[in-house]
Amino acid sequence: MADKTDETQWAAHIDTGRCSYIVIGWTLSELRFPMQITRAGEYGVLGLLNLARRSPGQMAMITEVSRTERIPKSFLAKIFQNLVKAGLVRSIRGARGGFVLVKDPAQVSILEIIEAIEGKILFQRCKQLKPDCEHAGGCALCGLFEEAQDGVKDVLLRTTLVDLIRREKTIELTRSQKRHANQ
């Protein structure tokens, strides 16, 4: 995000071709926490989806995941380091090494992945470790943000890698049906 010091709000619609997002944030000089999942978070989920599509225990080289998901290799390697530290992925060195999911994909929530890369999801300053809010302790706005934050976290917690794989299959089926209908 650009370094702005005015007190304005902004919203943007981002279409990556794969996903569509509505991003909301603030440009307050003392608050520089846009409410968005960064590219690193998105790539982390895509990388683990790639691993989840494989047979249990099947290794994947970072080059292969990078190429398949169209993610810069060096960036993905850094992301996977965070996922290894979080205990979501295991790294095995050597000629037959690579990366493998530690848990069953049905047990890996999208929230776990995103927070392993991004840190805790926080929509308001008063919920930070060191609150920087004149109204810390509660106000109507903090309550509203907390409710929104809880809703987002709940959706991400309830959604697993297996759920996203099912969504991918549904999307591909719909595309295939449209192609056949247009022929």
N, C-alpha and C. Protein backbone atom coordinates (compact mmCIF):
# COMPACT_ATOMS: atom_id res chain seq x y z
N MET A 1 0.84 -1.17 0.00
CA MET A 1 0.00 0.00 0.00
C MET A 1 0.89 1.23 0.00
N ALA A 2 0.48 2.22 -0.75
CA ALA A 2 1.24 3.47 -0.80
C ALA A 2 1.21 4.15 0.55
N ASP A 3 2.26 4.90 0.83
CA ASP A 3 2.34 5.61 2.11
C ASP A 3 1.54 6.90 1.99
N LYS A 4 0.33 6.88 2.54
CA LYS A 4 -0.53 8.05 2.51
C LYS A 4 -0.78 8.49 3.94
N THR A 5 -0.96 9.77 4.13
CA THR A 5 -1.17 10.25 5.49
C THR A 5 -2.53 10.91 5.68
N ASP A 6 -3.35 10.93 4.64
CA ASP A 6 -4.67 11.52 4.82
C ASP A 6 -5.58 10.51 5.53
N GLU A 7 -6.72 11.00 6.00
CA GLU A 7 -7.64 10.14 6.74
C GLU A 7 -8.80 9.75 5.83
N THR A 8 -8.53 8.95 4.83
CA THR A 8 -9.56 8.52 3.91
C THR A 8 -9.71 7.02 3.96
N GLN A 9 -10.86 6.57 3.52
CA GLN A 9 -11.08 5.14 3.38
C GLN A 9 -11.01 4.82 1.90
N TRP A 10 -10.69 3.58 1.58
CA TRP A 10 -10.65 3.17 0.20
C TRP A 10 -11.22 1.77 0.07
N ALA A 11 -11.69 1.49 -1.10
CA ALA A 11 -12.18 0.15 -1.41
C ALA A 11 -11.79 -0.13 -2.86
N ALA A 12 -11.50 -1.36 -3.13
CA ALA A 12 -11.11 -1.73 -4.49
C ALA A 12 -11.65 -3.11 -4.81
N HIS A 13 -11.97 -3.30 -6.07
CA HIS A 13 -12.36 -4.62 -6.56
C HIS A 13 -11.17 -5.15 -7.33
N ILE A 14 -10.70 -6.32 -6.97
CA ILE A 14 -9.54 -6.92 -7.62
C ILE A 14 -9.97 -8.25 -8.22
N ASP A 15 -9.71 -8.41 -9.50
CA ASP A 15 -10.01 -9.67 -10.18
C ASP A 15 -8.70 -10.23 -10.68
N THR A 16 -8.26 -11.35 -10.10
CA THR A 16 -6.96 -11.94 -10.46
C THR A 16 -7.08 -12.91 -11.63
N GLY A 17 -8.30 -13.13 -12.11
CA GLY A 17 -8.49 -14.13 -13.14
C GLY A 17 -8.92 -15.45 -12.51
N ARG A 18 -8.37 -15.75 -11.36
CA ARG A 18 -8.74 -16.95 -10.60
C ARG A 18 -9.78 -16.61 -9.55
N CYS A 19 -9.58 -15.48 -8.90
CA CYS A 19 -10.41 -15.09 -7.77
C CYS A 19 -10.79 -13.62 -7.91
N SER A 20 -11.87 -13.27 -7.25
CA SER A 20 -12.29 -11.88 -7.23
C SER A 20 -12.41 -11.45 -5.77
N TYR A 21 -11.88 -10.27 -5.45
CA TYR A 21 -11.84 -9.81 -4.07
C TYR A 21 -12.39 -8.40 -3.97
N ILE A 22 -12.99 -8.10 -2.86
CA ILE A 22 -13.29 -6.72 -2.48
C ILE A 22 -12.34 -6.42 -1.34
N VAL A 23 -11.52 -5.41 -1.49
CA VAL A 23 -10.52 -5.05 -0.50
C VAL A 23 -10.91 -3.71 0.11
N ILE A 24 -10.91 -3.65 1.43
CA ILE A 24 -11.28 -2.42 2.14
C ILE A 24 -10.14 -2.07 3.07
N GLY A 25 -9.82 -0.81 3.18
CA GLY A 25 -8.74 -0.43 4.08
C GLY A 25 -8.80 1.04 4.44
N TRP A 26 -7.85 1.43 5.24
CA TRP A 26 -7.74 2.81 5.68
C TRP A 26 -6.36 3.33 5.34
N THR A 27 -6.26 4.61 5.18
CA THR A 27 -4.95 5.22 4.96
C THR A 27 -4.67 6.23 6.06
N LEU A 28 -5.13 5.97 7.26
CA LEU A 28 -4.82 6.84 8.38
C LEU A 28 -3.32 6.78 8.65
N SER A 29 -2.72 7.89 8.98
CA SER A 29 -1.28 7.91 9.18
C SER A 29 -0.83 6.94 10.26
N GLU A 30 -1.63 6.76 11.32
CA GLU A 30 -1.21 5.85 12.37
C GLU A 30 -1.73 4.43 12.18
N LEU A 31 -2.51 4.19 11.14
CA LEU A 31 -3.10 2.88 10.90
C LEU A 31 -2.81 2.45 9.47
N ARG A 32 -1.94 1.50 9.33
CA ARG A 32 -1.59 1.02 7.99
C ARG A 32 -1.80 -0.48 7.91
N PHE A 33 -3.01 -0.93 8.21
CA PHE A 33 -3.34 -2.33 8.17
C PHE A 33 -4.53 -2.53 7.24
N PRO A 34 -4.28 -2.65 5.92
CA PRO A 34 -5.41 -2.87 5.03
C PRO A 34 -6.03 -4.23 5.32
N MET A 35 -7.33 -4.30 5.18
CA MET A 35 -8.03 -5.55 5.44
C MET A 35 -8.04 -6.36 4.16
N GLN A 36 -6.94 -7.03 3.91
CA GLN A 36 -6.85 -7.88 2.74
C GLN A 36 -5.91 -9.03 3.02
N ILE A 37 -6.11 -10.07 2.27
CA ILE A 37 -5.17 -11.18 2.32
C ILE A 37 -4.12 -10.82 1.26
N THR A 38 -2.86 -10.83 1.64
CA THR A 38 -1.81 -10.45 0.70
C THR A 38 -1.60 -11.55 -0.33
N ARG A 39 -0.80 -11.23 -1.31
CA ARG A 39 -0.44 -12.21 -2.33
C ARG A 39 0.24 -13.41 -1.67
N ALA A 40 1.04 -13.18 -0.64
CA ALA A 40 1.70 -14.29 0.06
C ALA A 40 0.67 -15.24 0.65
N GLY A 41 -0.38 -14.70 1.25
CA GLY A 41 -1.44 -15.53 1.81
C GLY A 41 -2.16 -16.32 0.73
N GLU A 42 -2.47 -15.65 -0.37
CA GLU A 42 -3.14 -16.32 -1.49
C GLU A 42 -2.25 -17.42 -2.05
N TYR A 43 -0.98 -17.11 -2.26
CA TYR A 43 -0.05 -18.11 -2.80
C TYR A 43 0.15 -19.27 -1.85
N GLY A 44 0.14 -19.00 -0.55
CA GLY A 44 0.25 -20.08 0.42
C GLY A 44 -0.89 -21.06 0.31
N VAL A 45 -2.10 -20.53 0.18
CA VAL A 45 -3.27 -21.40 0.02
C VAL A 45 -3.17 -22.18 -1.29
N LEU A 46 -2.81 -21.50 -2.37
CA LEU A 46 -2.69 -22.18 -3.67
C LEU A 46 -1.61 -23.27 -3.63
N GLY A 47 -0.49 -22.98 -2.96
CA GLY A 47 0.57 -23.98 -2.84
C GLY A 47 0.12 -25.21 -2.07
N LEU A 48 -0.61 -24.98 -0.97
CA LEU A 48 -1.09 -26.13 -0.19
C LEU A 48 -2.21 -26.87 -0.91
N LEU A 49 -2.99 -26.15 -1.71
CA LEU A 49 -4.00 -26.82 -2.54
C LEU A 49 -3.30 -27.78 -3.51
N ASN A 50 -2.19 -27.34 -4.06
CA ASN A 50 -1.43 -28.18 -4.96
C ASN A 50 -0.99 -29.47 -4.25
N LEU A 51 -0.48 -29.33 -3.03
CA LEU A 51 -0.07 -30.51 -2.27
C LEU A 51 -1.27 -31.39 -1.92
N ALA A 52 -2.39 -30.75 -1.61
CA ALA A 52 -3.59 -31.49 -1.19
C ALA A 52 -4.19 -32.31 -2.34
N ARG A 53 -3.97 -31.90 -3.58
CA ARG A 53 -4.49 -32.63 -4.73
C ARG A 53 -3.72 -33.92 -4.98
N ARG A 54 -2.60 -34.08 -4.36
CA ARG A 54 -1.75 -35.25 -4.56
C ARG A 54 -2.17 -36.40 -3.64
N SER A 55 -1.63 -37.55 -3.92
CA SER A 55 -1.87 -38.71 -3.04
C SER A 55 -1.26 -38.42 -1.67
N PRO A 56 -1.85 -38.95 -0.60
CA PRO A 56 -1.29 -38.73 0.73
C PRO A 56 0.19 -39.14 0.79
N GLY A 57 1.02 -38.25 1.33
CA GLY A 57 2.44 -38.53 1.48
C GLY A 57 3.28 -38.27 0.24
N GLN A 58 2.63 -37.93 -0.89
CA GLN A 58 3.38 -37.69 -2.12
C GLN A 58 4.11 -36.36 -2.04
N MET A 59 5.41 -36.40 -2.30
CA MET A 59 6.27 -35.20 -2.27
C MET A 59 6.04 -34.35 -3.52
N ALA A 60 6.30 -33.05 -3.36
CA ALA A 60 6.27 -32.13 -4.49
C ALA A 60 7.47 -31.20 -4.38
N MET A 61 8.17 -31.05 -5.46
CA MET A 61 9.29 -30.11 -5.51
C MET A 61 8.74 -28.69 -5.64
N ILE A 62 9.42 -27.73 -5.06
CA ILE A 62 8.97 -26.34 -5.11
C ILE A 62 8.87 -25.85 -6.55
N THR A 63 9.77 -26.32 -7.41
CA THR A 63 9.75 -25.92 -8.82
C THR A 63 8.46 -26.37 -9.49
N GLU A 64 8.04 -27.58 -9.18
CA GLU A 64 6.82 -28.13 -9.76
C GLU A 64 5.58 -27.37 -9.30
N VAL A 65 5.50 -27.10 -8.00
CA VAL A 65 4.36 -26.35 -7.46
C VAL A 65 4.35 -24.93 -8.04
N SER A 66 5.51 -24.32 -8.09
CA SER A 66 5.65 -22.97 -8.63
C SER A 66 5.16 -22.90 -10.08
N ARG A 67 5.60 -23.84 -10.88
CA ARG A 67 5.23 -23.85 -12.30
C ARG A 67 3.72 -24.10 -12.47
N THR A 68 3.20 -25.09 -11.77
CA THR A 68 1.79 -25.46 -11.89
C THR A 68 0.87 -24.32 -11.45
N GLU A 69 1.22 -23.67 -10.35
CA GLU A 69 0.36 -22.61 -9.79
C GLU A 69 0.71 -21.22 -10.30
N ARG A 70 1.76 -21.13 -11.12
CA ARG A 70 2.22 -19.84 -11.67
C ARG A 70 2.56 -18.84 -10.57
N ILE A 71 3.40 -19.32 -9.64
CA ILE A 71 3.86 -18.51 -8.51
C ILE A 71 5.38 -18.41 -8.62
N PRO A 72 5.95 -17.22 -8.46
CA PRO A 72 7.41 -17.11 -8.50
C PRO A 72 8.06 -18.07 -7.49
N LYS A 73 9.03 -18.85 -7.98
CA LYS A 73 9.65 -19.91 -7.18
C LYS A 73 10.27 -19.40 -5.89
N SER A 74 11.03 -18.32 -5.96
CA SER A 74 11.70 -17.82 -4.75
C SER A 74 10.69 -17.32 -3.72
N PHE A 75 9.61 -16.71 -4.18
CA PHE A 75 8.57 -16.23 -3.29
C PHE A 75 7.86 -17.41 -2.63
N LEU A 76 7.55 -18.43 -3.42
CA LEU A 76 6.88 -19.62 -2.89
C LEU A 76 7.77 -20.34 -1.88
N ALA A 77 9.07 -20.38 -2.13
CA ALA A 77 10.00 -21.03 -1.20
C ALA A 77 9.95 -20.34 0.16
N LYS A 78 9.91 -19.01 0.17
CA LYS A 78 9.82 -18.27 1.44
C LYS A 78 8.49 -18.55 2.15
N ILE A 79 7.43 -18.60 1.38
CA ILE A 79 6.11 -18.88 1.94
C ILE A 79 6.09 -20.28 2.56
N PHE A 80 6.65 -21.25 1.85
CA PHE A 80 6.67 -22.62 2.35
C PHE A 80 7.53 -22.73 3.61
N GLN A 81 8.55 -21.91 3.75
CA GLN A 81 9.33 -21.90 4.99
C GLN A 81 8.44 -21.56 6.17
N ASN A 82 7.56 -20.57 6.00
CA ASN A 82 6.61 -20.21 7.07
C ASN A 82 5.64 -21.36 7.35
N LEU A 83 5.22 -22.05 6.31
CA LEU A 83 4.29 -23.16 6.48
C LEU A 83 4.95 -24.35 7.16
N VAL A 84 6.25 -24.53 6.93
CA VAL A 84 7.01 -25.57 7.64
C VAL A 84 7.09 -25.21 9.12
N LYS A 85 7.43 -23.94 9.42
CA LYS A 85 7.52 -23.49 10.82
C LYS A 85 6.19 -23.63 11.54
N ALA A 86 5.09 -23.45 10.83
CA ALA A 86 3.76 -23.55 11.42
C ALA A 86 3.31 -25.00 11.58
N GLY A 87 4.09 -25.93 11.04
CA GLY A 87 3.74 -27.35 11.17
C GLY A 87 2.71 -27.83 10.18
N LEU A 88 2.47 -27.08 9.12
CA LEU A 88 1.49 -27.50 8.11
C LEU A 88 2.12 -28.32 6.99
N VAL A 89 3.41 -28.10 6.77
CA VAL A 89 4.14 -28.75 5.68
C VAL A 89 5.44 -29.30 6.25
N ARG A 90 5.88 -30.41 5.70
CA ARG A 90 7.17 -30.97 6.07
C ARG A 90 8.09 -30.86 4.85
N SER A 91 9.31 -30.47 5.10
CA SER A 91 10.32 -30.34 4.05
C SER A 91 11.29 -31.49 4.19
N ILE A 92 11.55 -32.16 3.07
CA ILE A 92 12.49 -33.27 3.06
C ILE A 92 13.56 -32.94 2.02
N ARG A 93 14.81 -32.93 2.48
CA ARG A 93 15.92 -32.58 1.60
C ARG A 93 16.38 -33.80 0.81
N GLY A 94 17.10 -33.50 -0.25
CA GLY A 94 17.71 -34.57 -1.04
C GLY A 94 17.06 -34.73 -2.39
N ALA A 95 17.62 -35.65 -3.17
CA ALA A 95 17.16 -35.88 -4.54
C ALA A 95 15.69 -36.31 -4.60
N ARG A 96 15.25 -37.05 -3.62
CA ARG A 96 13.86 -37.50 -3.60
C ARG A 96 13.02 -36.69 -2.61
N GLY A 97 13.54 -35.55 -2.26
CA GLY A 97 12.87 -34.71 -1.27
C GLY A 97 11.82 -33.82 -1.89
N GLY A 98 11.36 -32.90 -1.09
CA GLY A 98 10.33 -31.97 -1.51
C GLY A 98 9.50 -31.56 -0.32
N PHE A 99 8.27 -31.22 -0.62
CA PHE A 99 7.34 -30.80 0.43
C PHE A 99 6.14 -31.72 0.42
N VAL A 100 5.59 -31.92 1.61
CA VAL A 100 4.41 -32.76 1.77
C VAL A 100 3.55 -32.17 2.89
N LEU A 101 2.25 -32.30 2.74
CA LEU A 101 1.34 -31.87 3.81
C LEU A 101 1.55 -32.75 5.04
N VAL A 102 1.49 -32.16 6.20
CA VAL A 102 1.64 -32.91 7.45
C VAL A 102 0.32 -33.54 7.86
N LYS A 103 -0.78 -32.80 7.64
CA LYS A 103 -2.10 -33.27 8.07
C LYS A 103 -2.96 -33.62 6.86
N ASP A 104 -4.02 -34.33 7.14
CA ASP A 104 -5.03 -34.63 6.13
C ASP A 104 -5.61 -33.30 5.64
N PRO A 105 -5.76 -33.12 4.32
CA PRO A 105 -6.30 -31.86 3.78
C PRO A 105 -7.68 -31.48 4.34
N ALA A 106 -8.44 -32.47 4.78
CA ALA A 106 -9.75 -32.19 5.38
C ALA A 106 -9.62 -31.57 6.76
N GLN A 107 -8.41 -31.62 7.33
CA GLN A 107 -8.16 -31.07 8.67
C GLN A 107 -7.39 -29.76 8.63
N VAL A 108 -7.08 -29.25 7.45
CA VAL A 108 -6.32 -28.01 7.31
C VAL A 108 -7.26 -26.88 6.91
N SER A 109 -7.48 -25.95 7.84
CA SER A 109 -8.38 -24.83 7.54
C SER A 109 -7.63 -23.73 6.79
N ILE A 110 -8.37 -22.98 6.02
CA ILE A 110 -7.79 -21.85 5.29
C ILE A 110 -7.30 -20.81 6.29
N LEU A 111 -7.99 -20.67 7.42
CA LEU A 111 -7.56 -19.74 8.47
C LEU A 111 -6.16 -20.12 8.97
N GLU A 112 -5.93 -21.40 9.21
CA GLU A 112 -4.61 -21.85 9.66
C GLU A 112 -3.51 -21.43 8.69
N ILE A 113 -3.78 -21.63 7.42
CA ILE A 113 -2.78 -21.31 6.39
C ILE A 113 -2.52 -19.81 6.35
N ILE A 114 -3.59 -19.04 6.28
CA ILE A 114 -3.44 -17.58 6.17
C ILE A 114 -2.76 -17.01 7.40
N GLU A 115 -3.16 -17.44 8.59
CA GLU A 115 -2.54 -16.89 9.80
C GLU A 115 -1.10 -17.36 9.96
N ALA A 116 -0.73 -18.51 9.38
CA ALA A 116 0.66 -18.95 9.42
C ALA A 116 1.54 -18.02 8.59
N ILE A 117 0.96 -17.42 7.58
CA ILE A 117 1.70 -16.53 6.68
C ILE A 117 1.53 -15.06 7.06
N GLU A 118 0.31 -14.66 7.34
CA GLU A 118 -0.02 -13.26 7.57
C GLU A 118 0.02 -12.83 9.04
N GLY A 119 -0.10 -13.79 9.94
CA GLY A 119 -0.31 -13.46 11.34
C GLY A 119 -1.80 -13.41 11.61
N LYS A 120 -2.17 -13.08 12.82
CA LYS A 120 -3.58 -13.05 13.20
C LYS A 120 -4.35 -12.03 12.38
N ILE A 121 -5.56 -12.37 12.00
CA ILE A 121 -6.43 -11.45 11.27
C ILE A 121 -7.03 -10.49 12.27
N LEU A 122 -6.76 -9.21 12.09
CA LEU A 122 -7.28 -8.17 12.97
C LEU A 122 -7.86 -7.04 12.14
N PHE A 123 -9.12 -6.75 12.34
CA PHE A 123 -9.77 -5.66 11.61
C PHE A 123 -9.67 -4.33 12.34
N GLN A 124 -9.37 -4.34 13.63
CA GLN A 124 -9.37 -3.08 14.38
C GLN A 124 -8.13 -2.95 15.25
N ARG A 125 -7.74 -1.73 15.44
CA ARG A 125 -6.54 -1.42 16.22
C ARG A 125 -6.67 -1.84 17.67
N CYS A 126 -7.87 -1.77 18.23
CA CYS A 126 -8.02 -2.05 19.65
C CYS A 126 -7.83 -3.53 19.99
N LYS A 127 -7.72 -4.39 19.00
CA LYS A 127 -7.50 -5.82 19.25
C LYS A 127 -6.05 -6.23 19.04
N GLN A 128 -5.18 -5.27 18.72
CA GLN A 128 -3.77 -5.56 18.55
C GLN A 128 -3.14 -5.83 19.91
N LEU A 129 -1.94 -6.44 19.88
CA LEU A 129 -1.24 -6.73 21.14
C LEU A 129 -1.00 -5.45 21.93
N LYS A 130 -0.62 -4.39 21.22
CA LYS A 130 -0.44 -3.07 21.85
C LYS A 130 -1.47 -2.14 21.24
N PRO A 131 -2.66 -2.06 21.82
CA PRO A 131 -3.73 -1.26 21.23
C PRO A 131 -3.32 0.20 21.04
N ASP A 132 -3.61 0.72 19.87
CA ASP A 132 -3.34 2.11 19.54
C ASP A 132 -4.69 2.76 19.22
N CYS A 133 -5.54 2.80 20.22
CA CYS A 133 -6.90 3.28 20.02
C CYS A 133 -7.32 4.10 21.23
N GLU A 134 -7.83 5.26 20.94
CA GLU A 134 -8.30 6.15 22.02
C GLU A 134 -9.50 5.56 22.75
N HIS A 135 -10.18 4.63 22.10
CA HIS A 135 -11.40 4.06 22.67
C HIS A 135 -11.21 2.60 23.09
N ALA A 136 -9.96 2.20 23.32
CA ALA A 136 -9.69 0.81 23.72
C ALA A 136 -10.53 0.48 24.94
N GLY A 137 -11.07 -0.69 24.93
CA GLY A 137 -11.94 -1.09 26.02
C GLY A 137 -13.37 -1.20 25.55
N GLY A 138 -13.63 -0.70 24.36
CA GLY A 138 -14.95 -0.91 23.79
C GLY A 138 -15.63 0.35 23.30
N CYS A 139 -16.14 0.26 22.12
CA CYS A 139 -17.00 1.29 21.55
C CYS A 139 -17.84 0.62 20.48
N ALA A 140 -18.81 1.30 19.96
CA ALA A 140 -19.71 0.72 18.96
C ALA A 140 -18.95 0.27 17.72
N LEU A 141 -18.00 1.08 17.28
CA LEU A 141 -17.24 0.74 16.08
C LEU A 141 -16.38 -0.50 16.30
N CYS A 142 -15.71 -0.58 17.45
CA CYS A 142 -14.89 -1.76 17.76
C CYS A 142 -15.76 -3.01 17.78
N GLY A 143 -16.95 -2.88 18.34
CA GLY A 143 -17.88 -4.02 18.39
C GLY A 143 -18.29 -4.47 16.99
N LEU A 144 -18.55 -3.51 16.10
CA LEU A 144 -18.91 -3.83 14.72
C LEU A 144 -17.75 -4.53 14.01
N PHE A 145 -16.55 -3.98 14.14
CA PHE A 145 -15.38 -4.59 13.51
C PHE A 145 -15.11 -5.99 14.05
N GLU A 146 -15.29 -6.14 15.36
CA GLU A 146 -15.07 -7.45 15.95
C GLU A 146 -16.06 -8.47 15.40
N GLU A 147 -17.30 -8.05 15.19
CA GLU A 147 -18.32 -8.94 14.63
C GLU A 147 -17.95 -9.33 13.19
N ALA A 148 -17.50 -8.36 12.41
CA ALA A 148 -17.09 -8.63 11.03
C ALA A 148 -15.88 -9.55 11.01
N GLN A 149 -14.91 -9.26 11.86
CA GLN A 149 -13.70 -10.08 11.97
C GLN A 149 -14.05 -11.51 12.34
N ASP A 150 -14.94 -11.68 13.31
CA ASP A 150 -15.34 -13.02 13.73
C ASP A 150 -16.02 -13.77 12.60
N GLY A 151 -16.83 -13.06 11.80
CA GLY A 151 -17.51 -13.69 10.67
C GLY A 151 -16.52 -14.17 9.62
N VAL A 152 -15.56 -13.34 9.28
CA VAL A 152 -14.54 -13.71 8.29
C VAL A 152 -13.73 -14.89 8.81
N LYS A 153 -13.29 -14.81 10.06
CA LYS A 153 -12.48 -15.88 10.63
C LYS A 153 -13.27 -17.19 10.68
N ASP A 154 -14.56 -17.10 10.99
CA ASP A 154 -15.40 -18.30 11.05
C ASP A 154 -15.47 -18.99 9.68
N VAL A 155 -15.68 -18.21 8.62
CA VAL A 155 -15.74 -18.78 7.27
C VAL A 155 -14.41 -19.44 6.92
N LEU A 156 -13.31 -18.77 7.20
CA LEU A 156 -11.99 -19.31 6.89
C LEU A 156 -11.66 -20.54 7.74
N LEU A 157 -12.14 -20.55 8.97
CA LEU A 157 -11.92 -21.70 9.86
C LEU A 157 -12.73 -22.91 9.41
N ARG A 158 -13.96 -22.69 8.97
CA ARG A 158 -14.82 -23.79 8.53
C ARG A 158 -14.44 -24.33 7.15
N THR A 159 -13.67 -23.56 6.39
CA THR A 159 -13.31 -23.98 5.04
C THR A 159 -11.94 -24.67 5.06
N THR A 160 -11.90 -25.87 4.54
CA THR A 160 -10.66 -26.65 4.51
C THR A 160 -10.13 -26.75 3.09
N LEU A 161 -8.95 -27.31 2.97
CA LEU A 161 -8.38 -27.54 1.64
C LEU A 161 -9.28 -28.44 0.81
N VAL A 162 -9.89 -29.44 1.43
CA VAL A 162 -10.80 -30.34 0.71
C VAL A 162 -12.01 -29.56 0.19
N ASP A 163 -12.52 -28.62 0.97
CA ASP A 163 -13.64 -27.79 0.51
C ASP A 163 -13.25 -27.00 -0.73
N LEU A 164 -12.05 -26.45 -0.75
CA LEU A 164 -11.60 -25.68 -1.91
C LEU A 164 -11.39 -26.58 -3.13
N ILE A 165 -10.92 -27.79 -2.91
CA ILE A 165 -10.77 -28.74 -4.02
C ILE A 165 -12.14 -29.05 -4.62
N ARG A 166 -13.13 -29.23 -3.77
CA ARG A 166 -14.50 -29.47 -4.26
C ARG A 166 -15.00 -28.27 -5.06
N ARG A 167 -14.71 -27.06 -4.58
CA ARG A 167 -15.11 -25.85 -5.31
C ARG A 167 -14.43 -25.80 -6.68
N GLU A 168 -13.14 -26.16 -6.72
CA GLU A 168 -12.43 -26.18 -8.00
C GLU A 168 -13.10 -27.14 -8.98
N LYS A 169 -13.47 -28.31 -8.50
CA LYS A 169 -14.13 -29.30 -9.37
C LYS A 169 -15.46 -28.80 -9.86
N THR A 170 -16.21 -28.13 -9.01
CA THR A 170 -17.50 -27.57 -9.41
C THR A 170 -17.31 -26.49 -10.47
N ILE A 171 -16.32 -25.62 -10.27
CA ILE A 171 -16.03 -24.56 -11.24
C ILE A 171 -15.63 -25.17 -12.58
N GLU A 172 -14.76 -26.17 -12.55
CA GLU A 172 -14.31 -26.81 -13.79
C GLU A 172 -15.47 -27.50 -14.50
N LEU A 173 -16.35 -28.15 -13.76
CA LEU A 173 -17.52 -28.80 -14.35
C LEU A 173 -18.41 -27.76 -15.03
N THR A 174 -18.63 -26.64 -14.36
CA THR A 174 -19.46 -25.57 -14.92
C THR A 174 -18.83 -25.03 -16.20
N ARG A 175 -17.52 -24.80 -16.20
CA ARG A 175 -16.82 -24.32 -17.40
C ARG A 175 -16.95 -25.32 -18.54
N SER A 176 -16.78 -26.59 -18.22
CA SER A 176 -16.87 -27.63 -19.23
C SER A 176 -18.28 -27.68 -19.83
N GLN A 177 -19.28 -27.58 -18.99
CA GLN A 177 -20.66 -27.59 -19.47
C GLN A 177 -20.94 -26.39 -20.37
N LYS A 178 -20.40 -25.23 -20.02
CA LYS A 178 -20.59 -24.03 -20.85
C LYS A 178 -19.90 -24.18 -22.19
N ARG A 179 -18.69 -24.78 -22.19
CA ARG A 179 -17.97 -25.00 -23.45
C ARG A 179 -18.77 -25.92 -24.38
N HIS A 180 -19.30 -27.00 -23.80
CA HIS A 180 -20.07 -27.95 -24.60
C HIS A 180 -21.37 -27.33 -25.10
N ALA A 181 -21.98 -26.48 -24.30
CA ALA A 181 -23.23 -25.82 -24.69
C ALA A 181 -22.99 -24.81 -25.81
N ASN A 182 -21.80 -24.22 -25.88
CA ASN A 182 -21.49 -23.22 -26.89
C ASN A 182 -20.97 -23.82 -28.19
N GLN A 183 -20.81 -25.15 -28.23
CA GLN A 183 -20.30 -25.78 -29.45
C GLN A 183 -21.40 -26.16 -30.39
